[in-house]
Amino acid sequence: MRVVAVAVLCAVVGGCASVTRGTTETISVASTPSGAEATIAGLEAPMTCTTPCSFVAKRNADISVTVEKPGYESQTIPLTKDIPATGAAGFAGNIIAGGLIGMGVDAATGAATDHKPNPVIVTLQPRMAAPAGRAQRPPRRSAPPPAQPEAGT
């Protein structure tokens, strides 16, 4: 009887997407050229890694990835949260097993969402060299104006 009571309690308290998909996901970062430094903001503690790399993030986190490499323009990519078909199915499963409590758990943990884009793929653009001091050209010499006939002559 206790086993049945515990099973029913777990079904009511836990959200289906939380159980089937988990509350975290692995996000991959790649760059061209590789070997760039990726700084991930929005995690419990900001982190950096060298591309190609991956990290684990909570599904409900607001994340942005900044990719930098000397000689290249840096790029910041904000990740959005999307509900894929598998997340929607897990969230919908709450109607059968978890009810409103399960839906609340899934909404709070973001278990029904995925971050997009995943993988994060960045093509870095070479930094334009600052123009060196331009050598100034001597001013153009124009030909003297043609002689005008004098009036009255």
C-alpha atoms as a PDB file:
ATOM      1  CA  MET A   1       0.000   0.000   0.000  1.00  0.00           C
ATOM      2  CA  ARG A   2       2.853   2.377   0.818  1.00  0.00           C
ATOM      3  CA  VAL A   3       4.497   1.674  -2.525  1.00  0.00           C
ATOM      4  CA  VAL A   4       1.299   2.580  -4.362  1.00  0.00           C
ATOM      5  CA  ALA A   5       0.912   5.764  -2.292  1.00  0.00           C
ATOM      6  CA  VAL A   6       4.515   6.821  -3.045  1.00  0.00           C
ATOM      7  CA  ALA A   7       4.045   6.102  -6.763  1.00  0.00           C
ATOM      8  CA  VAL A   8       0.853   8.175  -6.873  1.00  0.00           C
ATOM      9  CA  LEU A   9       2.537  11.022  -4.967  1.00  0.00           C
ATOM     10  CA  CYS A  10       5.487  11.042  -7.388  1.00  0.00           C
ATOM     11  CA  ALA A  11       3.137  11.124 -10.377  1.00  0.00           C
ATOM     12  CA  VAL A  12       1.189  14.046  -8.925  1.00  0.00           C
ATOM     13  CA  VAL A  13       4.180  16.113  -7.751  1.00  0.00           C
ATOM     14  CA  GLY A  14       6.579  15.595 -10.652  1.00  0.00           C
ATOM     15  CA  GLY A  15       5.959  17.028 -14.090  1.00  0.00           C
ATOM     16  CA  CYS A  16       6.063  14.640 -17.042  1.00  0.00           C
ATOM     17  CA  ALA A  17       8.537  16.687 -19.073  1.00  0.00           C
ATOM     18  CA  SER A  18      10.724  17.038 -15.971  1.00  0.00           C
ATOM     19  CA  VAL A  19      10.764  13.282 -15.609  1.00  0.00           C
ATOM     20  CA  THR A  20      11.132  12.334 -19.282  1.00  0.00           C
ATOM     21  CA  ARG A  21      13.452  15.145 -20.501  1.00  0.00           C
ATOM     22  CA  GLY A  22      15.163  16.436 -17.372  1.00  0.00           C
ATOM     23  CA  THR A  23      15.707  20.040 -16.338  1.00  0.00           C
ATOM     24  CA  THR A  24      19.102  20.462 -18.031  1.00  0.00           C
ATOM     25  CA  GLU A  25      20.445  20.114 -21.552  1.00  0.00           C
ATOM     26  CA  THR A  26      23.845  20.010 -23.223  1.00  0.00           C
ATOM     27  CA  ILE A  27      24.600  22.887 -25.583  1.00  0.00           C
ATOM     28  CA  SER A  28      27.453  22.670 -28.099  1.00  0.00           C
ATOM     29  CA  VAL A  29      29.484  25.615 -29.422  1.00  0.00           C
ATOM     30  CA  ALA A  30      31.632  25.526 -32.576  1.00  0.00           C
ATOM     31  CA  SER A  31      33.422  28.256 -34.475  1.00  0.00           C
ATOM     32  CA  THR A  32      35.268  28.822 -37.712  1.00  0.00           C
ATOM     33  CA  PRO A  33      38.137  29.156 -37.097  1.00  0.00           C
ATOM     34  CA  SER A  34      38.191  26.818 -34.124  1.00  0.00           C
ATOM     35  CA  GLY A  35      40.139  27.605 -30.978  1.00  0.00           C
ATOM     36  CA  ALA A  36      38.064  30.687 -30.123  1.00  0.00           C
ATOM     37  CA  GLU A  37      37.054  31.507 -26.564  1.00  0.00           C
ATOM     38  CA  ALA A  38      33.348  31.120 -25.866  1.00  0.00           C
ATOM     39  CA  THR A  39      31.995  32.948 -22.811  1.00  0.00           C
ATOM     40  CA  ILE A  40      28.620  31.724 -21.615  1.00  0.00           C
ATOM     41  CA  ALA A  41      26.448  34.154 -19.648  1.00  0.00           C
ATOM     42  CA  GLY A  42      23.244  33.184 -17.883  1.00  0.00           C
ATOM     43  CA  LEU A  43      24.518  30.133 -16.038  1.00  0.00           C
ATOM     44  CA  GLU A  44      24.712  29.979 -12.250  1.00  0.00           C
ATOM     45  CA  ALA A  45      28.385  30.922 -12.681  1.00  0.00           C
ATOM     46  CA  PRO A  46      29.654  32.368 -15.979  1.00  0.00           C
ATOM     47  CA  MET A  47      32.053  30.034 -17.756  1.00  0.00           C
ATOM     48  CA  THR A  48      34.406  29.987 -20.702  1.00  0.00           C
ATOM     49  CA  CYS A  49      35.535  27.196 -22.989  1.00  0.00           C
ATOM     50  CA  THR A  50      37.623  26.847 -26.145  1.00  0.00           C
ATOM     51  CA  THR A  51      35.704  25.911 -29.287  1.00  0.00           C
ATOM     52  CA  PRO A  52      34.622  23.319 -30.123  1.00  0.00           C
ATOM     53  CA  CYS A  53      33.123  22.740 -26.689  1.00  0.00           C
ATOM     54  CA  SER A  54      29.890  22.020 -24.871  1.00  0.00           C
ATOM     55  CA  PHE A  55      28.297  22.880 -21.552  1.00  0.00           C
ATOM     56  CA  VAL A  56      25.286  21.856 -19.492  1.00  0.00           C
ATOM     57  CA  ALA A  57      22.619  24.476 -18.782  1.00  0.00           C
ATOM     58  CA  LYS A  58      19.273  24.548 -17.045  1.00  0.00           C
ATOM     59  CA  ARG A  59      16.473  24.531 -19.582  1.00  0.00           C
ATOM     60  CA  ASN A  60      14.900  27.655 -18.060  1.00  0.00           C
ATOM     61  CA  ALA A  61      18.131  29.746 -18.125  1.00  0.00           C
ATOM     62  CA  ASP A  62      18.421  32.894 -20.240  1.00  0.00           C
ATOM     63  CA  ILE A  63      21.729  32.262 -22.011  1.00  0.00           C
ATOM     64  CA  SER A  64      23.960  34.181 -24.378  1.00  0.00           C
ATOM     65  CA  VAL A  65      27.239  32.999 -25.893  1.00  0.00           C
ATOM     66  CA  THR A  66      30.027  35.421 -26.853  1.00  0.00           C
ATOM     67  CA  VAL A  67      32.722  34.006 -29.139  1.00  0.00           C
ATOM     68  CA  GLU A  68      36.061  35.831 -29.425  1.00  0.00           C
ATOM     69  CA  LYS A  69      39.432  35.220 -31.029  1.00  0.00           C
ATOM     70  CA  PRO A  70      42.321  37.643 -31.510  1.00  0.00           C
ATOM     71  CA  GLY A  71      42.255  39.167 -34.987  1.00  0.00           C
ATOM     72  CA  TYR A  72      38.504  38.541 -35.413  1.00  0.00           C
ATOM     73  CA  GLU A  73      35.331  40.447 -34.614  1.00  0.00           C
ATOM     74  CA  SER A  74      33.583  39.028 -31.549  1.00  0.00           C
ATOM     75  CA  GLN A  75      30.008  37.781 -31.871  1.00  0.00           C
ATOM     76  CA  THR A  76      27.310  37.423 -29.224  1.00  0.00           C
ATOM     77  CA  ILE A  77      24.506  34.966 -29.836  1.00  0.00           C
ATOM     78  CA  PRO A  78      21.467  35.108 -27.531  1.00  0.00           C
ATOM     79  CA  LEU A  79      19.799  31.712 -27.178  1.00  0.00           C
ATOM     80  CA  THR A  80      16.034  31.548 -27.262  1.00  0.00           C
ATOM     81  CA  LYS A  81      13.803  29.001 -25.576  1.00  0.00           C
ATOM     82  CA  ASP A  82      11.528  26.927 -27.773  1.00  0.00           C
ATOM     83  CA  ILE A  83       9.037  24.168 -27.017  1.00  0.00           C
ATOM     84  CA  PRO A  84       9.790  21.269 -29.386  1.00  0.00           C
ATOM     85  CA  ALA A  85       7.334  18.453 -30.065  1.00  0.00           C
ATOM     86  CA  THR A  86       8.942  16.209 -27.425  1.00  0.00           C
ATOM     87  CA  GLY A  87       8.660  18.940 -24.781  1.00  0.00           C
ATOM     88  CA  ALA A  88       5.051  19.631 -25.708  1.00  0.00           C
ATOM     89  CA  ALA A  89       4.235  15.918 -25.449  1.00  0.00           C
ATOM     90  CA  GLY A  90       5.821  15.711 -22.001  1.00  0.00           C
ATOM     91  CA  PHE A  91       4.010  18.844 -20.896  1.00  0.00           C
ATOM     92  CA  ALA A  92       0.717  17.478 -22.262  1.00  0.00           C
ATOM     93  CA  GLY A  93       1.306  14.221 -20.379  1.00  0.00           C
ATOM     94  CA  ASN A  94       0.667  16.189 -17.218  1.00  0.00           C
ATOM     95  CA  ILE A  95      -3.037  16.134 -18.034  1.00  0.00           C
ATOM     96  CA  ILE A  96      -3.013  12.367 -17.564  1.00  0.00           C
ATOM     97  CA  ALA A  97      -0.479  11.890 -14.793  1.00  0.00           C
ATOM     98  CA  GLY A  98       0.416  15.135 -13.051  1.00  0.00           C
ATOM     99  CA  GLY A  99      -2.441  17.544 -13.443  1.00  0.00           C
ATOM    100  CA  LEU A 100      -1.936  21.212 -12.700  1.00  0.00           C
ATOM    101  CA  ILE A 101       0.845  20.515 -10.208  1.00  0.00           C
ATOM    102  CA  GLY A 102       2.872  18.685 -12.863  1.00  0.00           C
ATOM    103  CA  MET A 103       2.291  21.519 -15.331  1.00  0.00           C
ATOM    104  CA  GLY A 104       3.510  23.994 -12.713  1.00  0.00           C
ATOM    105  CA  VAL A 105       6.652  21.937 -12.098  1.00  0.00           C
ATOM    106  CA  ASP A 106       7.411  21.748 -15.822  1.00  0.00           C
ATOM    107  CA  ALA A 107       6.784  25.465 -16.306  1.00  0.00           C
ATOM    108  CA  ALA A 108       9.005  26.411 -13.353  1.00  0.00           C
ATOM    109  CA  THR A 109      11.897  24.162 -14.393  1.00  0.00           C
ATOM    110  CA  GLY A 110      11.580  24.884 -18.124  1.00  0.00           C
ATOM    111  CA  ALA A 111      11.621  21.120 -18.690  1.00  0.00           C
ATOM    112  CA  ALA A 112       9.436  21.419 -21.783  1.00  0.00           C
ATOM    113  CA  THR A 113      11.820  23.867 -23.498  1.00  0.00           C
ATOM    114  CA  ASP A 114      15.042  23.602 -25.523  1.00  0.00           C
ATOM    115  CA  HIS A 115      17.547  26.352 -26.268  1.00  0.00           C
ATOM    116  CA  LYS A 116      17.900  27.430 -29.907  1.00  0.00           C
ATOM    117  CA  PRO A 117      20.235  27.426 -31.725  1.00  0.00           C
ATOM    118  CA  ASN A 118      21.827  24.231 -30.498  1.00  0.00           C
ATOM    119  CA  PRO A 119      24.519  23.684 -31.620  1.00  0.00           C
ATOM    120  CA  VAL A 120      25.703  27.304 -31.651  1.00  0.00           C
ATOM    121  CA  ILE A 121      27.826  27.651 -34.812  1.00  0.00           C
ATOM    122  CA  VAL A 122      29.705  30.910 -35.383  1.00  0.00           C
ATOM    123  CA  THR A 123      31.787  32.032 -38.360  1.00  0.00           C
ATOM    124  CA  LEU A 124      34.121  34.748 -37.129  1.00  0.00           C
ATOM    125  CA  GLN A 125      34.917  37.623 -39.467  1.00  0.00           C
ATOM    126  CA  PRO A 126      38.499  38.945 -39.665  1.00  0.00           C
ATOM    127  CA  ARG A 127      38.935  42.285 -37.948  1.00  0.00           C
ATOM    128  CA  MET A 128      39.580  45.066 -40.399  1.00  0.00           C
ATOM    129  CA  ALA A 129      42.969  46.661 -39.790  1.00  0.00           C
ATOM    130  CA  ALA A 130      42.742  50.274 -38.759  1.00  0.00           C
ATOM    131  CA  PRO A 131      43.829  52.453 -41.657  1.00  0.00           C
ATOM    132  CA  ALA A 132      47.434  53.472 -41.201  1.00  0.00           C
ATOM    133  CA  GLY A 133      48.198  57.175 -41.425  1.00  0.00           C
ATOM    134  CA  ARG A 134      47.553  57.949 -45.047  1.00  0.00           C
ATOM    135  CA  ALA A 135      50.316  59.723 -46.834  1.00  0.00           C
ATOM    136  CA  GLN A 136      48.925  63.024 -47.889  1.00  0.00           C
ATOM    137  CA  ARG A 137      49.084  63.860 -51.526  1.00  0.00           C
ATOM    138  CA  PRO A 138      50.383  67.233 -52.524  1.00  0.00           C
ATOM    139  CA  PRO A 139      47.536  69.505 -53.568  1.00  0.00           C
ATOM    140  CA  ARG A 140      46.644  69.309 -57.212  1.00  0.00           C
ATOM    141  CA  ARG A 141      47.971  72.116 -59.275  1.00  0.00           C
ATOM    142  CA  SER A 142      45.548  73.419 -61.701  1.00  0.00           C
ATOM    143  CA  ALA A 143      46.515  75.188 -64.865  1.00  0.00           C
ATOM    144  CA  PRO A 144      46.248  78.944 -64.648  1.00  0.00           C
ATOM    145  CA  PRO A 145      43.009  80.245 -66.071  1.00  0.00           C
ATOM    146  CA  PRO A 146      43.177  81.303 -69.730  1.00  0.00           C
ATOM    147  CA  ALA A 147      43.995  84.954 -70.236  1.00  0.00           C
ATOM    148  CA  GLN A 148      40.945  87.132 -70.630  1.00  0.00           C
ATOM    149  CA  PRO A 149      41.079  89.880 -73.183  1.00  0.00           C
ATOM    150  CA  GLU A 150      41.073  93.225 -71.511  1.00  0.00           C
ATOM    151  CA  ALA A 151      38.001  95.331 -71.975  1.00  0.00           C
ATOM    152  CA  GLY A 152      38.316  98.222 -74.358  1.00  0.00           C
ATOM    153  CA  THR A 153      41.250  96.962 -76.276  1.00  0.00           C
END
